[in-house]
Amino acid sequence: MTTDTTKPGKRYPLLLYTRLLGMYRWPAFGLAVLLFGIWWFAPSGKIALAEPPGDRMALLGAVVSGAFFLFTLFGRSAAYFQCLPGHIRVQTAVLRLKISYSRVREARPVSFSQLFPPSRQRWSQRRFLQPFFGRTGVGLGLSAFPMEEKLLRLFLSPYMFLPDRMGFLLLAKDWMDLSVQIGTYRDAWFNRRRAARQTAAARPRPSVG
């Protein structure tokens, strides 16, 4: 089936964020229920911590925890990468990053375990990364980041950055499909740009004098 590169391509969930939100979901829900229970039973005087102003703090904590729980439910759909006609979009709940195809030097398969050996990760990180150690991702080598690297690292997981060169590590359930899509959209973008240049060069220039 031919891909229509003039339209947005398939969305690929950011698996690292899906995993992270999944780990926080039920602890956030449990904390919200616990704090709401403390606030609810505060008038009975049976819970010392719920005496004023503790009762208000418990209610505030319940609201914040509940909001974070809802974020873990709906935040998954807000974290993805996608090929568009003019660039690759990397989207999180707080960041939308546009990577021009002119910056893309290569898109090749890479082993997550080779980039981030399990033996070099802390125990807590190994537990979080366990589903990814056997995966192959797409190493997106870039000539330059679309914004300051320090700012990017504030919003993106450190495991989304290639440790051996400038670029990103994109993890998808089907890395081959993602790799083909990036190559298809990138080639189409270059072809459109080349055609536009040829058309502009072929136009007759206005005579002077």
Protein backbone atom coordinates (compact mmCIF):
# COMPACT_ATOMS: atom_id res chain seq x y z
CA MET A 1 0.00 0.00 0.00
CA THR A 2 1.38 3.40 -1.04
CA THR A 3 1.78 5.96 1.71
CA ASP A 4 0.30 9.39 1.05
CA THR A 5 3.16 11.59 2.25
CA THR A 6 1.10 14.78 1.84
CA LYS A 7 -0.94 13.75 4.89
CA PRO A 8 0.08 13.04 8.50
CA GLY A 9 1.41 9.55 9.03
CA LYS A 10 0.74 7.00 11.72
CA ARG A 11 1.11 7.96 15.38
CA TYR A 12 3.57 5.87 17.37
CA PRO A 13 3.15 6.04 21.17
CA LEU A 14 6.19 7.04 23.20
CA LEU A 15 6.68 3.70 24.95
CA LEU A 16 8.89 5.14 27.67
CA TYR A 17 6.14 7.54 28.73
CA THR A 18 3.47 4.86 28.46
CA ARG A 19 5.51 2.70 30.81
CA LEU A 20 6.16 5.57 33.23
CA LEU A 21 2.51 6.64 33.42
CA GLY A 22 1.45 3.02 33.89
CA MET A 23 3.77 2.64 36.89
CA TYR A 24 2.47 5.81 38.56
CA ARG A 25 -1.23 5.26 37.83
CA TRP A 26 -2.34 3.05 40.69
CA PRO A 27 -0.09 4.57 43.37
CA ALA A 28 -1.60 7.95 42.50
CA PHE A 29 -5.11 6.50 42.72
CA GLY A 30 -4.38 4.83 46.06
CA LEU A 31 -2.92 8.03 47.50
CA ALA A 32 -5.93 10.03 46.35
CA VAL A 33 -8.32 7.56 48.01
CA LEU A 34 -6.28 7.53 51.22
CA LEU A 35 -6.10 11.31 51.54
CA PHE A 36 -9.76 11.73 50.66
CA GLY A 37 -10.62 9.20 53.37
CA ILE A 38 -8.57 11.17 55.91
CA TRP A 39 -10.43 14.35 54.98
CA TRP A 40 -13.81 12.58 55.00
CA PHE A 41 -13.37 11.22 58.52
CA ALA A 42 -11.78 14.41 59.87
CA PRO A 43 -15.00 15.70 61.56
CA SER A 44 -15.19 12.54 63.71
CA GLY A 45 -11.93 13.48 65.44
CA LYS A 46 -10.63 9.90 65.16
CA ILE A 47 -7.66 10.90 63.01
CA ALA A 48 -5.30 13.31 64.69
CA LEU A 49 -3.60 14.26 61.45
CA ALA A 50 -6.94 15.41 60.07
CA GLU A 51 -7.38 18.17 62.61
CA PRO A 52 -7.26 21.71 61.14
CA PRO A 53 -5.32 22.65 59.08
CA GLY A 54 -4.42 19.04 58.35
CA ASP A 55 -7.87 18.30 56.97
CA ARG A 56 -7.51 20.96 54.30
CA MET A 57 -4.05 19.72 53.39
CA ALA A 58 -5.42 16.18 53.08
CA LEU A 59 -8.17 17.38 50.75
CA LEU A 60 -5.68 19.35 48.66
CA GLY A 61 -3.42 16.31 48.43
CA ALA A 62 -6.37 14.15 47.38
CA VAL A 63 -7.29 16.60 44.61
CA VAL A 64 -3.71 16.77 43.31
CA SER A 65 -3.27 12.99 43.44
CA GLY A 66 -6.63 12.49 41.72
CA ALA A 67 -5.69 14.95 38.99
CA PHE A 68 -2.41 13.14 38.43
CA PHE A 69 -4.27 9.82 38.24
CA LEU A 70 -6.49 11.26 35.50
CA PHE A 71 -3.40 12.54 33.73
CA THR A 72 -1.93 9.02 33.70
CA LEU A 73 -5.12 7.80 32.03
CA PHE A 74 -5.32 10.41 29.29
CA GLY A 75 -1.67 11.42 29.02
CA ARG A 76 -0.80 8.31 27.02
CA SER A 77 -2.59 9.62 23.94
CA ALA A 78 -0.71 12.92 24.26
CA ALA A 79 2.73 11.29 24.01
CA TYR A 80 3.67 10.10 20.52
CA PHE A 81 5.85 10.73 17.50
CA GLN A 82 4.52 11.10 13.99
CA CYS A 83 5.79 11.77 10.49
CA LEU A 84 4.27 14.86 8.88
CA PRO A 85 4.89 16.17 5.34
CA GLY A 86 7.46 18.73 6.50
CA HIS A 87 8.87 17.35 9.73
CA ILE A 88 8.76 14.67 12.42
CA ARG A 89 6.68 15.59 15.44
CA VAL A 90 7.64 14.47 18.94
CA GLN A 91 4.73 15.22 21.26
CA THR A 92 4.44 15.01 25.01
CA ALA A 93 1.91 16.53 27.39
CA VAL A 94 4.07 19.63 27.79
CA LEU A 95 6.25 19.73 24.67
CA ARG A 96 5.71 19.65 20.92
CA LEU A 97 8.96 19.22 19.05
CA LYS A 98 9.36 19.64 15.28
CA ILE A 99 12.33 17.89 13.69
CA SER A 100 12.90 19.04 10.11
CA TYR A 101 13.86 16.33 7.64
CA SER A 102 16.80 18.54 6.66
CA ARG A 103 18.32 17.76 10.08
CA VAL A 104 17.95 13.98 9.73
CA ARG A 105 21.22 12.33 8.80
CA GLU A 106 20.20 8.71 9.29
CA ALA A 107 17.50 6.45 10.67
CA ARG A 108 18.89 3.02 11.46
CA PRO A 109 18.03 0.12 13.79
CA VAL A 110 19.76 0.14 17.18
CA SER A 111 19.62 -2.25 20.11
CA PHE A 112 18.38 -0.67 23.32
CA SER A 113 20.49 -3.04 25.43
CA GLN A 114 23.67 -2.11 23.58
CA LEU A 115 23.04 1.60 24.00
CA PHE A 116 22.00 1.26 27.63
CA PRO A 117 23.50 -1.98 29.05
CA PRO A 118 21.39 -3.32 31.95
CA SER A 119 24.50 -3.80 34.11
CA ARG A 120 25.19 -0.06 34.02
CA GLN A 121 21.71 0.98 35.16
CA ARG A 122 20.64 1.45 38.76
CA TRP A 123 18.30 -1.16 40.20
CA SER A 124 15.30 1.16 40.05
CA GLN A 125 16.09 2.05 36.44
CA ARG A 126 16.54 -1.60 35.45
CA ARG A 127 13.07 -2.33 36.81
CA PHE A 128 11.59 0.53 34.79
CA LEU A 129 13.50 -0.35 31.61
CA GLN A 130 13.03 -4.12 31.79
CA PRO A 131 10.46 -4.30 28.92
CA PHE A 132 12.83 -2.42 26.59
CA PHE A 133 16.10 -4.30 27.00
CA GLY A 134 15.18 -6.81 24.32
CA ARG A 135 13.80 -4.22 21.91
CA THR A 136 15.18 -2.70 18.75
CA GLY A 137 14.57 0.99 18.20
CA VAL A 138 15.24 3.54 15.49
CA GLY A 139 18.31 5.71 16.01
CA LEU A 140 17.52 9.08 14.48
CA GLY A 141 20.88 10.74 13.87
CA LEU A 142 20.66 14.53 13.54
CA SER A 143 22.93 17.28 12.31
CA ALA A 144 21.58 19.51 15.10
CA PHE A 145 18.84 19.44 17.71
CA PRO A 146 15.78 21.59 16.95
CA MET A 147 16.28 23.45 20.25
CA GLU A 148 18.83 23.69 23.06
CA GLU A 149 19.78 20.23 24.28
CA LYS A 150 19.64 21.34 27.92
CA LEU A 151 16.00 22.36 27.49
CA LEU A 152 15.17 19.13 25.70
CA ARG A 153 16.57 17.08 28.57
CA LEU A 154 14.24 18.88 30.97
CA PHE A 155 11.19 17.54 29.11
CA LEU A 156 12.32 14.26 27.54
CA SER A 157 13.52 11.02 29.07
CA PRO A 158 17.32 10.60 29.06
CA TYR A 159 16.75 7.27 27.34
CA MET A 160 15.35 9.09 24.30
CA PHE A 161 18.80 10.54 23.54
CA LEU A 162 21.43 8.58 21.65
CA PRO A 163 24.46 8.28 23.97
CA ASP A 164 27.03 7.92 21.20
CA ARG A 165 26.00 10.69 18.79
CA MET A 166 23.60 13.57 18.37
CA GLY A 167 20.05 12.35 17.91
CA PHE A 168 17.09 10.55 19.41
CA LEU A 169 16.22 6.95 20.13
CA LEU A 170 12.67 6.21 19.00
CA LEU A 171 11.08 3.08 20.46
CA ALA A 172 8.00 1.65 18.75
CA LYS A 173 6.24 -1.69 18.83
CA ASP A 174 7.12 -2.13 15.15
CA TRP A 175 10.49 -0.47 14.57
CA MET A 176 10.65 -1.65 10.95
CA ASP A 177 7.36 0.07 10.12
CA LEU A 178 8.56 3.26 11.82
CA SER A 179 11.89 3.16 9.98
CA VAL A 180 10.19 2.71 6.62
CA GLN A 181 7.78 5.55 7.34
CA ILE A 182 10.56 7.96 8.31
CA GLY A 183 12.50 7.09 5.16
CA THR A 184 9.42 7.44 2.96
CA TYR A 185 8.43 10.83 4.32
CA ARG A 186 12.01 12.11 4.28
CA ASP A 187 12.55 11.06 0.66
CA ALA A 188 9.24 12.63 -0.38
CA TRP A 189 10.21 15.88 1.37
CA PHE A 190 13.54 16.03 -0.45
CA ASN A 191 11.86 15.22 -3.78
CA ARG A 192 9.33 18.02 -3.31
CA ARG A 193 12.07 20.47 -2.43
CA ARG A 194 14.16 19.40 -5.44
CA ALA A 195 11.15 19.74 -7.74
CA ALA A 196 10.40 23.21 -6.36
CA ARG A 197 13.98 24.30 -7.02
CA GLN A 198 13.88 22.95 -10.56
CA THR A 199 10.60 24.71 -11.23
CA ALA A 200 11.97 27.97 -9.88
CA ALA A 201 15.12 27.64 -12.00
CA ALA A 202 13.09 26.93 -15.15
CA ARG A 203 10.98 30.07 -14.83
CA PRO A 204 11.95 32.79 -17.31
CA ARG A 205 13.70 35.69 -15.69
CA PRO A 206 12.29 39.16 -16.36
CA SER A 207 14.38 41.17 -18.78
CA VAL A 208 16.20 44.20 -17.48
CA GLY A 209 16.18 47.50 -19.39
